[in-house]
C-alpha atoms as a PDB file:
ATOM      1  CA  MET A   1      71.422  36.436 143.977  1.00  0.00           C
ATOM      2  CA  ALA A   2      68.870  34.726 141.788  1.00  0.00           C
ATOM      3  CA  ASP A   3      66.576  37.728 141.300  1.00  0.00           C
ATOM      4  CA  TRP A   4      69.269  40.186 140.166  1.00  0.00           C
ATOM      5  CA  ASP A   5      68.821  41.763 136.789  1.00  0.00           C
ATOM      6  CA  SER A   6      72.228  43.416 136.633  1.00  0.00           C
ATOM      7  CA  GLY A   7      75.626  43.283 138.240  1.00  0.00           C
ATOM      8  CA  ALA A   8      75.416  46.797 139.603  1.00  0.00           C
ATOM      9  CA  ALA A   9      77.630  48.107 142.401  1.00  0.00           C
ATOM     10  CA  ALA A  10      76.852  50.844 144.903  1.00  0.00           C
ATOM     11  CA  THR A  11      78.606  52.648 147.725  1.00  0.00           C
ATOM     12  CA  GLY A  12      77.194  52.089 151.193  1.00  0.00           C
ATOM     13  CA  ALA A  13      76.919  54.500 154.098  1.00  0.00           C
ATOM     14  CA  ASP A  14      80.329  53.269 155.300  1.00  0.00           C
ATOM     15  CA  GLN A  15      81.839  54.250 151.899  1.00  0.00           C
ATOM     16  CA  ARG A  16      82.561  50.637 150.925  1.00  0.00           C
ATOM     17  CA  ASN A  17      81.583  49.433 147.476  1.00  0.00           C
ATOM     18  CA  ARG A  18      79.152  46.515 147.499  1.00  0.00           C
ATOM     19  CA  CYS A  19      76.783  44.669 145.220  1.00  0.00           C
ATOM     20  CA  ALA A  20      73.825  47.013 144.730  1.00  0.00           C
ATOM     21  CA  TRP A  21      71.309  44.462 146.038  1.00  0.00           C
ATOM     22  CA  ALA A  22      72.918  44.734 149.479  1.00  0.00           C
ATOM     23  CA  THR A  23      72.819  48.521 149.629  1.00  0.00           C
ATOM     24  CA  ALA A  24      69.450  49.174 148.011  1.00  0.00           C
ATOM     25  CA  ARG A  25      67.918  48.850 151.472  1.00  0.00           C
ATOM     26  CA  GLN A  26      70.339  50.812 153.647  1.00  0.00           C
ATOM     27  CA  HIS A  27      68.226  50.270 156.761  1.00  0.00           C
ATOM     28  CA  ASP A  28      68.355  46.490 156.364  1.00  0.00           C
ATOM     29  CA  ASP A  29      71.266  45.551 158.614  1.00  0.00           C
ATOM     30  CA  ALA A  30      70.520  41.821 158.291  1.00  0.00           C
ATOM     31  CA  LEU A  31      70.772  41.931 154.493  1.00  0.00           C
ATOM     32  CA  LEU A  32      74.002  43.921 154.682  1.00  0.00           C
ATOM     33  CA  ALA A  33      75.508  41.417 157.136  1.00  0.00           C
ATOM     34  CA  TYR A  34      74.414  38.523 154.902  1.00  0.00           C
ATOM     35  CA  HIS A  35      76.202  40.099 151.945  1.00  0.00           C
ATOM     36  CA  ASP A  36      79.342  40.964 153.911  1.00  0.00           C
ATOM     37  CA  HIS A  37      79.785  37.693 155.804  1.00  0.00           C
ATOM     38  CA  GLU A  38      77.792  34.851 154.218  1.00  0.00           C
ATOM     39  CA  TRP A  39      76.773  35.135 150.572  1.00  0.00           C
ATOM     40  CA  GLY A  40      79.427  33.758 148.278  1.00  0.00           C
ATOM     41  CA  THR A  41      81.609  32.564 151.138  1.00  0.00           C
ATOM     42  CA  PRO A  42      82.796  28.982 150.567  1.00  0.00           C
ATOM     43  CA  SER A  43      81.206  26.608 153.059  1.00  0.00           C
ATOM     44  CA  ARG A  44      81.352  22.901 153.776  1.00  0.00           C
ATOM     45  CA  ASN A  45      79.211  23.085 156.905  1.00  0.00           C
ATOM     46  CA  GLU A  46      76.330  20.636 156.385  1.00  0.00           C
ATOM     47  CA  ARG A  47      73.689  22.853 157.946  1.00  0.00           C
ATOM     48  CA  GLU A  48      74.788  25.964 156.072  1.00  0.00           C
ATOM     49  CA  VAL A  49      74.869  24.101 152.771  1.00  0.00           C
ATOM     50  CA  PHE A  50      71.457  22.518 153.376  1.00  0.00           C
ATOM     51  CA  GLU A  51      70.010  25.897 154.348  1.00  0.00           C
ATOM     52  CA  ALA A  52      71.346  27.498 151.167  1.00  0.00           C
ATOM     53  CA  LEU A  53      69.851  24.732 149.030  1.00  0.00           C
ATOM     54  CA  THR A  54      66.504  24.900 150.817  1.00  0.00           C
ATOM     55  CA  LEU A  55      66.097  28.670 150.800  1.00  0.00           C
ATOM     56  CA  GLY A  56      66.945  28.712 147.099  1.00  0.00           C
ATOM     57  CA  ILE A  57      64.154  26.199 146.483  1.00  0.00           C
ATOM     58  CA  PHE A  58      61.664  28.237 148.493  1.00  0.00           C
ATOM     59  CA  GLN A  59      62.711  31.331 146.569  1.00  0.00           C
ATOM     60  CA  ALA A  60      61.659  29.853 143.219  1.00  0.00           C
ATOM     61  CA  GLY A  61      58.975  32.141 141.816  1.00  0.00           C
ATOM     62  CA  LEU A  62      59.461  34.702 144.592  1.00  0.00           C
ATOM     63  CA  GLY A  63      61.831  37.564 145.398  1.00  0.00           C
ATOM     64  CA  TRP A  64      64.854  36.823 147.556  1.00  0.00           C
ATOM     65  CA  LEU A  65      63.892  39.309 150.282  1.00  0.00           C
ATOM     66  CA  THR A  66      60.590  37.489 150.803  1.00  0.00           C
ATOM     67  CA  VAL A  67      62.519  34.356 151.724  1.00  0.00           C
ATOM     68  CA  PHE A  68      65.446  36.081 153.428  1.00  0.00           C
ATOM     69  CA  HIS A  69      63.271  37.822 156.001  1.00  0.00           C
ATOM     70  CA  LYS A  70      61.770  34.464 156.998  1.00  0.00           C
ATOM     71  CA  ARG A  71      65.129  32.793 157.704  1.00  0.00           C
ATOM     72  CA  ASP A  72      64.614  32.573 161.466  1.00  0.00           C
ATOM     73  CA  ALA A  73      61.199  30.979 160.998  1.00  0.00           C
ATOM     74  CA  PHE A  74      62.608  28.502 158.480  1.00  0.00           C
ATOM     75  CA  ARG A  75      65.413  27.603 160.880  1.00  0.00           C
ATOM     76  CA  ALA A  76      62.904  26.945 163.639  1.00  0.00           C
ATOM     77  CA  ALA A  77      60.644  24.950 161.317  1.00  0.00           C
ATOM     78  CA  PHE A  78      63.458  22.768 159.981  1.00  0.00           C
ATOM     79  CA  HIS A  79      65.475  22.143 163.176  1.00  0.00           C
ATOM     80  CA  ASP A  80      68.191  24.650 162.325  1.00  0.00           C
ATOM     81  CA  PHE A  81      68.656  22.767 159.042  1.00  0.00           C
ATOM     82  CA  ASP A  82      70.013  19.620 160.644  1.00  0.00           C
ATOM     83  CA  PRO A  83      69.617  17.134 157.747  1.00  0.00           C
ATOM     84  CA  ALA A  84      69.238  14.088 160.015  1.00  0.00           C
ATOM     85  CA  ARG A  85      66.470  15.685 162.077  1.00  0.00           C
ATOM     86  CA  VAL A  86      64.638  17.038 159.035  1.00  0.00           C
ATOM     87  CA  ALA A  87      64.863  13.608 157.393  1.00  0.00           C
ATOM     88  CA  GLY A  88      62.942  12.237 160.399  1.00  0.00           C
ATOM     89  CA  MET A  89      59.992  14.597 159.952  1.00  0.00           C
ATOM     90  CA  ASP A  90      56.699  13.079 158.822  1.00  0.00           C
ATOM     91  CA  ASP A  91      53.208  13.920 157.548  1.00  0.00           C
ATOM     92  CA  ARG A  92      52.190  15.365 160.913  1.00  0.00           C
ATOM     93  CA  ASP A  93      55.110  17.768 160.742  1.00  0.00           C
ATOM     94  CA  VAL A  94      54.148  18.748 157.203  1.00  0.00           C
ATOM     95  CA  ALA A  95      50.576  19.426 158.338  1.00  0.00           C
ATOM     96  CA  ALA A  96      51.870  21.602 161.169  1.00  0.00           C
ATOM     97  CA  LEU A  97      54.180  23.554 158.862  1.00  0.00           C
ATOM     98  CA  LEU A  98      51.298  24.224 156.494  1.00  0.00           C
ATOM     99  CA  GLN A  99      49.702  26.140 159.381  1.00  0.00           C
ATOM    100  CA  ASP A 100      52.862  28.104 160.196  1.00  0.00           C
ATOM    101  CA  PRO A 101      52.459  31.727 159.003  1.00  0.00           C
ATOM    102  CA  GLY A 102      56.155  32.402 159.575  1.00  0.00           C
ATOM    103  CA  ILE A 103      57.279  30.360 156.569  1.00  0.00           C
ATOM    104  CA  ILE A 104      56.184  30.016 152.961  1.00  0.00           C
ATOM    105  CA  ARG A 105      53.417  27.432 153.163  1.00  0.00           C
ATOM    106  CA  ASN A 106      53.989  25.560 149.937  1.00  0.00           C
ATOM    107  CA  GLU A 107      53.434  21.844 150.461  1.00  0.00           C
ATOM    108  CA  ALA A 108      55.532  20.748 147.477  1.00  0.00           C
ATOM    109  CA  LYS A 109      58.513  22.784 148.692  1.00  0.00           C
ATOM    110  CA  ILE A 110      58.086  21.590 152.289  1.00  0.00           C
ATOM    111  CA  ARG A 111      57.992  17.960 151.181  1.00  0.00           C
ATOM    112  CA  SER A 112      60.978  18.517 148.878  1.00  0.00           C
ATOM    113  CA  THR A 113      62.925  19.787 151.900  1.00  0.00           C
ATOM    114  CA  LEU A 114      62.196  16.580 153.807  1.00  0.00           C
ATOM    115  CA  ARG A 115      63.110  14.488 150.783  1.00  0.00           C
ATOM    116  CA  ASN A 116      66.344  16.380 150.187  1.00  0.00           C
ATOM    117  CA  ALA A 117      67.290  16.038 153.855  1.00  0.00           C
ATOM    118  CA  ALA A 118      66.796  12.281 153.637  1.00  0.00           C
ATOM    119  CA  VAL A 119      68.951  12.082 150.507  1.00  0.00           C
ATOM    120  CA  MET A 120      71.623  14.248 152.084  1.00  0.00           C
ATOM    121  CA  ALA A 121      71.676  12.258 155.305  1.00  0.00           C
ATOM    122  CA  ALA A 122      71.978   8.931 153.477  1.00  0.00           C
ATOM    123  CA  SER A 123      74.294   9.897 150.614  1.00  0.00           C
ATOM    124  CA  GLU A 124      77.917   8.836 150.395  1.00  0.00           C
ATOM    125  CA  PHE A 125      78.617  12.175 148.697  1.00  0.00           C
ATOM    126  CA  ALA A 126      78.654  15.424 150.673  1.00  0.00           C
ATOM    127  CA  LEU A 127      76.345  18.008 149.123  1.00  0.00           C
ATOM    128  CA  ALA A 128      79.159  20.588 149.174  1.00  0.00           C
ATOM    129  CA  ASP A 129      81.373  18.174 147.202  1.00  0.00           C
ATOM    130  CA  LEU A 130      78.669  17.670 144.580  1.00  0.00           C
ATOM    131  CA  ALA A 131      78.282  21.437 144.240  1.00  0.00           C
ATOM    132  CA  ASN A 132      82.010  22.048 144.018  1.00  0.00           C
ATOM    133  CA  GLY A 133      82.258  19.362 141.362  1.00  0.00           C
ATOM    134  CA  ALA A 134      80.337  21.786 139.135  1.00  0.00           C
ATOM    135  CA  ARG A 135      82.797  24.645 139.649  1.00  0.00           C
ATOM    136  CA  PRO A 136      83.580  26.246 136.276  1.00  0.00           C
ATOM    137  CA  ARG A 137      87.204  26.183 135.143  1.00  0.00           C
ATOM    138  CA  GLU A 138      87.016  29.898 134.513  1.00  0.00           C
ATOM    139  CA  HIS A 139      84.581  32.383 135.985  1.00  0.00           C
ATOM    140  CA  GLN A 140      84.455  36.141 135.676  1.00  0.00           C
ATOM    141  CA  ARG A 141      82.695  38.213 138.276  1.00  0.00           C
ATOM    142  CA  PRO A 142      79.858  40.291 136.828  1.00  0.00           C
ATOM    143  CA  SER A 143      80.823  43.788 135.752  1.00  0.00           C
ATOM    144  CA  PRO A 144      78.638  46.844 136.420  1.00  0.00           C
ATOM    145  CA  ALA A 145      75.564  46.923 134.166  1.00  0.00           C
ATOM    146  CA  ALA A 146      76.276  43.404 132.873  1.00  0.00           C
ATOM    147  CA  ALA A 147      73.555  40.814 133.073  1.00  0.00           C
ATOM    148  CA  VAL A 148      74.034  38.200 135.755  1.00  0.00           C
ATOM    149  CA  PRO A 149      73.031  34.775 134.420  1.00  0.00           C
ATOM    150  CA  SER A 150      70.132  32.966 136.029  1.00  0.00           C
ATOM    151  CA  HIS A 151      71.715  29.626 135.101  1.00  0.00           C
ATOM    152  CA  THR A 152      74.817  28.313 133.381  1.00  0.00           C
ATOM    153  CA  PRO A 153      75.938  25.067 131.728  1.00  0.00           C
ATOM    154  CA  GLU A 154      77.568  24.160 135.062  1.00  0.00           C
ATOM    155  CA  SER A 155      74.350  24.737 137.013  1.00  0.00           C
ATOM    156  CA  GLU A 156      72.478  22.641 134.462  1.00  0.00           C
ATOM    157  CA  ALA A 157      75.017  19.850 135.016  1.00  0.00           C
ATOM    158  CA  LEU A 158      74.710  20.222 138.800  1.00  0.00           C
ATOM    159  CA  SER A 159      70.922  20.092 138.571  1.00  0.00           C
ATOM    160  CA  ARG A 160      71.133  16.840 136.612  1.00  0.00           C
ATOM    161  CA  ARG A 161      73.629  15.351 139.071  1.00  0.00           C
ATOM    162  CA  LEU A 162      71.564  16.280 142.118  1.00  0.00           C
ATOM    163  CA  LYS A 163      68.434  14.829 140.548  1.00  0.00           C
ATOM    164  CA  ALA A 164      70.345  11.632 139.771  1.00  0.00           C
ATOM    165  CA  GLU A 165      71.304  11.443 143.459  1.00  0.00           C
ATOM    166  CA  GLY A 166      67.620  11.780 144.425  1.00  0.00           C
ATOM    167  CA  TYR A 167      67.343  15.491 145.216  1.00  0.00           C
ATOM    168  CA  VAL A 168      64.129  17.149 144.054  1.00  0.00           C
ATOM    169  CA  PHE A 169      62.848  20.623 143.151  1.00  0.00           C
ATOM    170  CA  ILE A 170      66.309  21.717 142.022  1.00  0.00           C
ATOM    171  CA  GLY A 171      66.361  23.087 138.493  1.00  0.00           C
ATOM    172  CA  PRO A 172      69.262  24.920 136.838  1.00  0.00           C
ATOM    173  CA  THR A 173      68.209  28.320 138.233  1.00  0.00           C
ATOM    174  CA  SER A 174      67.926  27.089 141.823  1.00  0.00           C
ATOM    175  CA  ALA A 175      71.205  25.217 141.342  1.00  0.00           C
ATOM    176  CA  TYR A 176      72.950  28.410 140.232  1.00  0.00           C
ATOM    177  CA  ALA A 177      71.588  30.399 143.186  1.00  0.00           C
ATOM    178  CA  PHE A 178      72.913  27.594 145.395  1.00  0.00           C
ATOM    179  CA  MET A 179      76.332  27.765 143.727  1.00  0.00           C
ATOM    180  CA  GLN A 180      76.421  31.525 144.280  1.00  0.00           C
ATOM    181  CA  ALA A 181      75.350  31.277 147.911  1.00  0.00           C
ATOM    182  CA  ILE A 182      78.009  28.767 148.994  1.00  0.00           C
ATOM    183  CA  GLY A 183      80.861  30.264 146.996  1.00  0.00           C
ATOM    184  CA  VAL A 184      81.179  27.743 144.180  1.00  0.00           C
ATOM    185  CA  VAL A 185      81.182  30.864 142.006  1.00  0.00           C
ATOM    186  CA  ASN A 186      82.109  34.354 143.171  1.00  0.00           C
ATOM    187  CA  ASP A 187      79.360  36.559 141.754  1.00  0.00           C
ATOM    188  CA  HIS A 188      80.051  39.608 143.872  1.00  0.00           C
ATOM    189  CA  VAL A 189      80.089  42.368 141.288  1.00  0.00           C
ATOM    190  CA  ALA A 190      83.444  43.711 140.134  1.00  0.00           C
ATOM    191  CA  GLY A 191      84.428  46.457 142.549  1.00  0.00           C
ATOM    192  CA  CYS A 192      82.582  44.947 145.517  1.00  0.00           C
ATOM    193  CA  PHE A 193      84.943  44.790 148.474  1.00  0.00           C
ATOM    194  CA  ARG A 194      83.676  41.385 149.582  1.00  0.00           C
ATOM    195  CA  GLY A 195      84.233  39.866 146.160  1.00  0.00           C
ATOM    196  CA  ASP A 196      87.780  41.230 146.219  1.00  0.00           C
ATOM    197  CA  GLU A 197      88.355  39.662 149.640  1.00  0.00           C
ATOM    198  CA  LEU A 198      87.122  36.294 148.423  1.00  0.00           C
ATOM    199  CA  GLU A 199      89.342  36.438 145.345  1.00  0.00           C
ATOM    200  CA  ARG A 200      92.361  36.974 147.571  1.00  0.00           C
END
């Protein structure tokens, strides 16, 4: 999670230990489900990978919950993150999205999404493969009270590689959030049940 400031763990209402960011809002069932079933889970599904990349870009400069609670609107706006369909969007679509109150109306980020979709649709390299090519040889899950990095040498390398392929608006911090989201690194805090499951 790109806007963490520590690798804290907390016990949820069901007595399972989780990353604190998932339990800080006990009433938020969607956030809890995202933590338990999606975040950090390895994925090669094109739409899931493209969604993770895109939401990380829209998060830049904002808190994750701001973006997370707009997921349904983003999915509707970007054709359920089908890269081929998004690549076919044009200036009229951009103009319409800039009037859509359900999403974050940032023209540069909207246009970067269209550009990235076009690159993804045309590339000989799967985006998941590019991300997994940056997997660190060794990675330790964050321990309670330890700082979680916002970027790493591997995310810096991935950012450079993606830019070389033509992707835009993807700096080292967004690249690391992307790596976390699709399970290139397991950053579930030590003691989190989901992180333990993924390690096994």
